Amino acid sequence: MSETSATRRGRGRRPAAEVRTAVLAAAGRILLRDGMRAVTFDRVATEAGASKMTLYKWWPSPGALAAEAYFAQSRDALDFPDTGDLRADLITQISAFVRLLKDGGAEKPVSELIGAAQMDPDLAQAWSESYALPRRELARTRLRSAQRQGQLRDDADLDIIVDQLWGACYHRMLVLKAPFDESIVVRLVDHALYGAAPRGA
């Protein structure tokens, strides 16, 4: 490599995709470590080594940045398996979700994000578009696969199943403020798949 080439690479601007990845990673770390209020453009720009003006250009508010950062931070942890066994895959995925909330430090910032979204339209849109709808579609894709394999009825309401499973966790966390852990996951999945009626009814 020539000296001129090396100099240009060392002093040139980083590609936009690289900067965006660094910003989301920094915002995600701050969010999970210190909560939503700590996610400011000043602090994230400093930690990511980015221009604050760049953040203003890409996100309408720190809350919108925090919502997208949470999705980026949680993507690998909440990967949805498809082993062919729907019950096992649901247990694996929802257990990972509960672990992220309880052991991964996400419960408080997620509660803050959802609460703030009720009063902040930019954050509400970012949370929906950057996290809630993509994660919901991942679940629906897995459930549709199960339908094709005959593991769910053809007329099963996939949105209701998603609401039953993940909605139960959000309800306990946000509304009841009730403690929960991975011990509820198998019961959640079995009730969603098999119902609560007596066997044979």
C-alpha atoms as a PDB file:
ATOM      1  CA  MET A   1       0.000   0.000   0.000  1.00  0.00           C
ATOM      2  CA  SER A   2       1.361   3.431  -0.899  1.00  0.00           C
ATOM      3  CA  GLU A   3       1.939   6.143   1.676  1.00  0.00           C
ATOM      4  CA  THR A   4      -0.641   8.342  -0.071  1.00  0.00           C
ATOM      5  CA  SER A   5      -3.241   5.584   0.082  1.00  0.00           C
ATOM      6  CA  ALA A   6      -2.537   4.882   3.742  1.00  0.00           C
ATOM      7  CA  THR A   7      -2.734   8.578   4.607  1.00  0.00           C
ATOM      8  CA  ARG A   8      -6.058   8.976   2.791  1.00  0.00           C
ATOM      9  CA  ARG A   9      -7.529   5.954   4.582  1.00  0.00           C
ATOM     10  CA  GLY A  10      -6.353   7.146   7.986  1.00  0.00           C
ATOM     11  CA  ARG A  11      -7.595  10.722   7.590  1.00  0.00           C
ATOM     12  CA  GLY A  12     -10.631  10.243   5.384  1.00  0.00           C
ATOM     13  CA  ARG A  13     -14.196  10.217   6.530  1.00  0.00           C
ATOM     14  CA  ARG A  14     -15.686   6.951   7.697  1.00  0.00           C
ATOM     15  CA  PRO A  15     -18.383   5.477   5.455  1.00  0.00           C
ATOM     16  CA  ALA A  16     -21.887   6.485   6.514  1.00  0.00           C
ATOM     17  CA  ALA A  17     -22.884   2.880   7.228  1.00  0.00           C
ATOM     18  CA  GLU A  18     -19.911   2.472   9.566  1.00  0.00           C
ATOM     19  CA  VAL A  19     -20.767   5.693  11.408  1.00  0.00           C
ATOM     20  CA  ARG A  20     -24.420   4.657  11.742  1.00  0.00           C
ATOM     21  CA  THR A  21     -23.426   1.266  13.141  1.00  0.00           C
ATOM     22  CA  ALA A  22     -21.100   2.915  15.657  1.00  0.00           C
ATOM     23  CA  VAL A  23     -23.808   5.382  16.719  1.00  0.00           C
ATOM     24  CA  LEU A  24     -26.417   2.639  17.207  1.00  0.00           C
ATOM     25  CA  ALA A  25     -23.942   0.522  19.170  1.00  0.00           C
ATOM     26  CA  ALA A  26     -23.026   3.455  21.424  1.00  0.00           C
ATOM     27  CA  ALA A  27     -26.672   4.420  21.953  1.00  0.00           C
ATOM     28  CA  GLY A  28     -27.567   0.795  22.743  1.00  0.00           C
ATOM     29  CA  ARG A  29     -24.801   0.513  25.334  1.00  0.00           C
ATOM     30  CA  ILE A  30     -25.826   3.760  27.001  1.00  0.00           C
ATOM     31  CA  LEU A  31     -29.516   2.791  26.945  1.00  0.00           C
ATOM     32  CA  LEU A  32     -29.013  -0.594  28.606  1.00  0.00           C
ATOM     33  CA  ARG A  33     -26.414   0.681  31.054  1.00  0.00           C
ATOM     34  CA  ASP A  34     -27.874   4.015  32.135  1.00  0.00           C
ATOM     35  CA  GLY A  35     -31.459   4.231  30.893  1.00  0.00           C
ATOM     36  CA  MET A  36     -33.271   6.242  28.272  1.00  0.00           C
ATOM     37  CA  ARG A  37     -32.635   9.689  29.762  1.00  0.00           C
ATOM     38  CA  ALA A  38     -28.912   9.137  29.343  1.00  0.00           C
ATOM     39  CA  VAL A  39     -29.325   8.736  25.565  1.00  0.00           C
ATOM     40  CA  THR A  40     -28.593  12.285  24.405  1.00  0.00           C
ATOM     41  CA  PHE A  41     -27.149  13.335  21.076  1.00  0.00           C
ATOM     42  CA  ASP A  42     -24.178  14.904  22.868  1.00  0.00           C
ATOM     43  CA  ARG A  43     -23.288  11.781  24.807  1.00  0.00           C
ATOM     44  CA  VAL A  44     -23.882   9.333  21.961  1.00  0.00           C
ATOM     45  CA  ALA A  45     -21.909  11.430  19.482  1.00  0.00           C
ATOM     46  CA  THR A  46     -18.985  11.604  21.889  1.00  0.00           C
ATOM     47  CA  GLU A  47     -18.986   7.864  22.611  1.00  0.00           C
ATOM     48  CA  ALA A  48     -19.409   6.935  18.937  1.00  0.00           C
ATOM     49  CA  GLY A  49     -16.825   9.427  17.677  1.00  0.00           C
ATOM     50  CA  ALA A  50     -19.430  10.990  15.404  1.00  0.00           C
ATOM     51  CA  SER A  51     -20.666  14.479  14.650  1.00  0.00           C
ATOM     52  CA  LYS A  52     -23.692  15.607  16.639  1.00  0.00           C
ATOM     53  CA  MET A  53     -25.046  17.186  13.448  1.00  0.00           C
ATOM     54  CA  THR A  54     -25.003  13.757  11.831  1.00  0.00           C
ATOM     55  CA  LEU A  55     -27.271  12.438  14.581  1.00  0.00           C
ATOM     56  CA  TYR A  56     -29.652  15.363  14.123  1.00  0.00           C
ATOM     57  CA  LYS A  57     -29.752  14.590  10.396  1.00  0.00           C
ATOM     58  CA  TRP A  58     -30.534  10.877  10.853  1.00  0.00           C
ATOM     59  CA  TRP A  59     -32.900  10.880  13.867  1.00  0.00           C
ATOM     60  CA  PRO A  60     -35.661  13.350  14.801  1.00  0.00           C
ATOM     61  CA  SER A  61     -35.047  12.906  18.523  1.00  0.00           C
ATOM     62  CA  PRO A  62     -32.859  11.015  21.001  1.00  0.00           C
ATOM     63  CA  GLY A  63     -35.878   8.846  21.758  1.00  0.00           C
ATOM     64  CA  ALA A  64     -36.124   7.753  18.123  1.00  0.00           C
ATOM     65  CA  LEU A  65     -32.416   6.943  18.179  1.00  0.00           C
ATOM     66  CA  ALA A  66     -32.857   4.938  21.400  1.00  0.00           C
ATOM     67  CA  ALA A  67     -35.686   2.895  19.863  1.00  0.00           C
ATOM     68  CA  GLU A  68     -33.652   1.947  16.802  1.00  0.00           C
ATOM     69  CA  ALA A  69     -30.603   1.277  18.965  1.00  0.00           C
ATOM     70  CA  TYR A  70     -32.594  -1.154  21.105  1.00  0.00           C
ATOM     71  CA  PHE A  71     -33.603  -3.142  18.034  1.00  0.00           C
ATOM     72  CA  ALA A  72     -29.991  -3.265  16.848  1.00  0.00           C
ATOM     73  CA  GLN A  73     -28.800  -4.262  20.315  1.00  0.00           C
ATOM     74  CA  SER A  74     -31.412  -7.005  20.724  1.00  0.00           C
ATOM     75  CA  ARG A  75     -31.406  -8.431  17.192  1.00  0.00           C
ATOM     76  CA  ASP A  76     -28.946 -11.270  17.761  1.00  0.00           C
ATOM     77  CA  ALA A  77     -30.244 -12.129  21.238  1.00  0.00           C
ATOM     78  CA  LEU A  78     -33.812 -12.405  19.929  1.00  0.00           C
ATOM     79  CA  ASP A  79     -33.120 -14.395  16.776  1.00  0.00           C
ATOM     80  CA  PHE A  80     -36.134 -16.601  15.974  1.00  0.00           C
ATOM     81  CA  PRO A  81     -35.197 -20.250  15.373  1.00  0.00           C
ATOM     82  CA  ASP A  82     -37.005 -22.567  12.985  1.00  0.00           C
ATOM     83  CA  THR A  83     -36.125 -26.145  13.881  1.00  0.00           C
ATOM     84  CA  GLY A  84     -39.428 -27.540  12.651  1.00  0.00           C
ATOM     85  CA  ASP A  85     -40.736 -27.870  16.228  1.00  0.00           C
ATOM     86  CA  LEU A  86     -42.962 -24.838  16.842  1.00  0.00           C
ATOM     87  CA  ARG A  87     -43.418 -25.372  20.575  1.00  0.00           C
ATOM     88  CA  ALA A  88     -39.675 -25.721  21.166  1.00  0.00           C
ATOM     89  CA  ASP A  89     -38.909 -22.676  19.004  1.00  0.00           C
ATOM     90  CA  LEU A  90     -41.449 -20.496  20.806  1.00  0.00           C
ATOM     91  CA  ILE A  91     -40.045 -21.551  24.182  1.00  0.00           C
ATOM     92  CA  THR A  92     -36.515 -20.768  22.989  1.00  0.00           C
ATOM     93  CA  GLN A  93     -37.436 -17.350  21.598  1.00  0.00           C
ATOM     94  CA  ILE A  94     -39.616 -16.143  24.475  1.00  0.00           C
ATOM     95  CA  SER A  95     -37.086 -17.422  27.021  1.00  0.00           C
ATOM     96  CA  ALA A  96     -34.443 -15.321  25.234  1.00  0.00           C
ATOM     97  CA  PHE A  97     -36.798 -12.317  25.357  1.00  0.00           C
ATOM     98  CA  VAL A  98     -37.386 -12.719  29.098  1.00  0.00           C
ATOM     99  CA  ARG A  99     -33.652 -13.197  29.727  1.00  0.00           C
ATOM    100  CA  LEU A 100     -32.887  -9.999  27.826  1.00  0.00           C
ATOM    101  CA  LEU A 101     -35.379  -8.114  29.981  1.00  0.00           C
ATOM    102  CA  LYS A 102     -34.415  -9.639  33.300  1.00  0.00           C
ATOM    103  CA  ASP A 103     -30.729 -10.503  32.982  1.00  0.00           C
ATOM    104  CA  GLY A 104     -29.655  -8.320  30.079  1.00  0.00           C
ATOM    105  CA  GLY A 105     -30.722  -5.048  31.659  1.00  0.00           C
ATOM    106  CA  ALA A 106     -33.445  -4.245  29.128  1.00  0.00           C
ATOM    107  CA  GLU A 107     -36.505  -4.177  31.404  1.00  0.00           C
ATOM    108  CA  LYS A 108     -36.070  -0.615  32.696  1.00  0.00           C
ATOM    109  CA  PRO A 109     -35.083   1.044  29.396  1.00  0.00           C
ATOM    110  CA  VAL A 110     -37.820  -0.794  27.479  1.00  0.00           C
ATOM    111  CA  SER A 111     -40.381   0.347  30.047  1.00  0.00           C
ATOM    112  CA  GLU A 112     -39.058   3.897  29.703  1.00  0.00           C
ATOM    113  CA  LEU A 113     -39.162   3.758  25.910  1.00  0.00           C
ATOM    114  CA  ILE A 114     -42.745   2.489  25.785  1.00  0.00           C
ATOM    115  CA  GLY A 115     -43.857   4.991  28.430  1.00  0.00           C
ATOM    116  CA  ALA A 116     -42.235   7.941  26.675  1.00  0.00           C
ATOM    117  CA  ALA A 117     -43.672   6.824  23.336  1.00  0.00           C
ATOM    118  CA  GLN A 118     -47.166   7.600  24.611  1.00  0.00           C
ATOM    119  CA  MET A 119     -46.304  11.324  24.580  1.00  0.00           C
ATOM    120  CA  ASP A 120     -43.645  11.504  21.845  1.00  0.00           C
ATOM    121  CA  PRO A 121     -44.926  10.860  18.285  1.00  0.00           C
ATOM    122  CA  ASP A 122     -41.413  10.564  16.843  1.00  0.00           C
ATOM    123  CA  LEU A 123     -40.461   7.968  19.431  1.00  0.00           C
ATOM    124  CA  ALA A 124     -43.777   6.134  18.986  1.00  0.00           C
ATOM    125  CA  GLN A 125     -43.202   5.887  15.231  1.00  0.00           C
ATOM    126  CA  ALA A 126     -39.582   4.819  15.681  1.00  0.00           C
ATOM    127  CA  TRP A 127     -40.486   2.170  18.269  1.00  0.00           C
ATOM    128  CA  SER A 128     -43.203   0.778  16.014  1.00  0.00           C
ATOM    129  CA  GLU A 129     -41.201   0.846  12.772  1.00  0.00           C
ATOM    130  CA  SER A 130     -37.761   0.015  14.175  1.00  0.00           C
ATOM    131  CA  TYR A 131     -38.684  -2.641  16.727  1.00  0.00           C
ATOM    132  CA  ALA A 132     -42.289  -3.650  17.383  1.00  0.00           C
ATOM    133  CA  LEU A 133     -43.494  -4.306  13.831  1.00  0.00           C
ATOM    134  CA  PRO A 134     -40.307  -6.041  12.613  1.00  0.00           C
ATOM    135  CA  ARG A 135     -40.272  -8.342  15.654  1.00  0.00           C
ATOM    136  CA  ARG A 136     -43.984  -9.058  15.238  1.00  0.00           C
ATOM    137  CA  GLU A 137     -43.437  -9.992  11.600  1.00  0.00           C
ATOM    138  CA  LEU A 138     -40.616 -12.380  12.571  1.00  0.00           C
ATOM    139  CA  ALA A 139     -43.056 -14.164  14.882  1.00  0.00           C
ATOM    140  CA  ARG A 140     -45.797 -14.230  12.241  1.00  0.00           C
ATOM    141  CA  THR A 141     -43.358 -15.636   9.671  1.00  0.00           C
ATOM    142  CA  ARG A 142     -42.482 -18.496  12.036  1.00  0.00           C
ATOM    143  CA  LEU A 143     -46.148 -19.139  12.801  1.00  0.00           C
ATOM    144  CA  ARG A 144     -47.062 -19.157   9.097  1.00  0.00           C
ATOM    145  CA  SER A 145     -44.360 -21.768   8.556  1.00  0.00           C
ATOM    146  CA  ALA A 146     -45.949 -23.854  11.303  1.00  0.00           C
ATOM    147  CA  GLN A 147     -49.335 -23.520   9.608  1.00  0.00           C
ATOM    148  CA  ARG A 148     -47.925 -24.825   6.344  1.00  0.00           C
ATOM    149  CA  GLN A 149     -46.460 -27.791   8.239  1.00  0.00           C
ATOM    150  CA  GLY A 150     -49.808 -28.576   9.875  1.00  0.00           C
ATOM    151  CA  GLN A 151     -48.678 -27.596  13.391  1.00  0.00           C
ATOM    152  CA  LEU A 152     -51.359 -24.891  13.606  1.00  0.00           C
ATOM    153  CA  ARG A 153     -54.915 -24.858  12.281  1.00  0.00           C
ATOM    154  CA  ASP A 154     -55.401 -23.128   8.935  1.00  0.00           C
ATOM    155  CA  ASP A 155     -57.768 -20.650  10.597  1.00  0.00           C
ATOM    156  CA  ALA A 156     -55.506 -19.909  13.583  1.00  0.00           C
ATOM    157  CA  ASP A 157     -55.278 -16.147  14.233  1.00  0.00           C
ATOM    158  CA  LEU A 158     -51.532 -15.530  14.198  1.00  0.00           C
ATOM    159  CA  ASP A 159     -51.803 -11.981  15.533  1.00  0.00           C
ATOM    160  CA  ILE A 160     -53.788 -13.212  18.533  1.00  0.00           C
ATOM    161  CA  ILE A 161     -51.124 -15.835  19.261  1.00  0.00           C
ATOM    162  CA  VAL A 162     -48.430 -13.147  19.176  1.00  0.00           C
ATOM    163  CA  ASP A 163     -50.527 -10.961  21.487  1.00  0.00           C
ATOM    164  CA  GLN A 164     -51.035 -13.834  23.910  1.00  0.00           C
ATOM    165  CA  LEU A 165     -47.363 -14.738  24.142  1.00  0.00           C
ATOM    166  CA  TRP A 166     -45.389 -11.510  24.094  1.00  0.00           C
ATOM    167  CA  GLY A 167     -48.303  -9.361  25.259  1.00  0.00           C
ATOM    168  CA  ALA A 168     -48.469 -11.310  28.509  1.00  0.00           C
ATOM    169  CA  CYS A 169     -44.872 -10.344  29.288  1.00  0.00           C
ATOM    170  CA  TYR A 170     -45.465  -6.680  28.478  1.00  0.00           C
ATOM    171  CA  HIS A 171     -48.682  -6.695  30.552  1.00  0.00           C
ATOM    172  CA  ARG A 172     -46.895  -8.012  33.630  1.00  0.00           C
ATOM    173  CA  MET A 173     -44.000  -5.621  33.133  1.00  0.00           C
ATOM    174  CA  LEU A 174     -45.869  -2.410  32.289  1.00  0.00           C
ATOM    175  CA  VAL A 175     -49.370  -2.697  33.744  1.00  0.00           C
ATOM    176  CA  LEU A 176     -49.280  -5.044  36.710  1.00  0.00           C
ATOM    177  CA  LYS A 177     -45.644  -4.313  37.647  1.00  0.00           C
ATOM    178  CA  ALA A 178     -45.630  -7.974  38.645  1.00  0.00           C
ATOM    179  CA  PRO A 179     -42.441 -10.019  38.840  1.00  0.00           C
ATOM    180  CA  PHE A 180     -41.960 -12.745  36.258  1.00  0.00           C
ATOM    181  CA  ASP A 181     -39.132 -14.872  34.936  1.00  0.00           C
ATOM    182  CA  GLU A 182     -38.464 -17.738  32.549  1.00  0.00           C
ATOM    183  CA  SER A 183     -40.599 -20.074  34.666  1.00  0.00           C
ATOM    184  CA  ILE A 184     -43.745 -18.688  32.977  1.00  0.00           C
ATOM    185  CA  VAL A 185     -42.594 -19.368  29.421  1.00  0.00           C
ATOM    186  CA  VAL A 186     -43.615 -23.014  29.017  1.00  0.00           C
ATOM    187  CA  ARG A 187     -47.055 -22.281  30.470  1.00  0.00           C
ATOM    188  CA  LEU A 188     -47.491 -19.270  28.163  1.00  0.00           C
ATOM    189  CA  VAL A 189     -46.624 -21.340  25.105  1.00  0.00           C
ATOM    190  CA  ASP A 190     -48.773 -24.312  26.069  1.00  0.00           C
ATOM    191  CA  HIS A 191     -51.814 -22.137  26.790  1.00  0.00           C
ATOM    192  CA  ALA A 192     -51.391 -20.288  23.484  1.00  0.00           C
ATOM    193  CA  LEU A 193     -51.001 -23.503  21.467  1.00  0.00           C
ATOM    194  CA  TYR A 194     -53.380 -25.837  23.282  1.00  0.00           C
ATOM    195  CA  GLY A 195     -55.812 -23.600  25.192  1.00  0.00           C
ATOM    196  CA  ALA A 196     -57.153 -23.909  28.713  1.00  0.00           C
ATOM    197  CA  ALA A 197     -60.140 -26.170  28.083  1.00  0.00           C
ATOM    198  CA  PRO A 198     -60.103 -29.680  29.571  1.00  0.00           C
ATOM    199  CA  ARG A 199     -58.448 -32.229  27.322  1.00  0.00           C
ATOM    200  CA  GLY A 200     -60.952 -33.756  24.947  1.00  0.00           C
ATOM    201  CA  ALA A 201     -63.426 -30.895  25.362  1.00  0.00           C
END
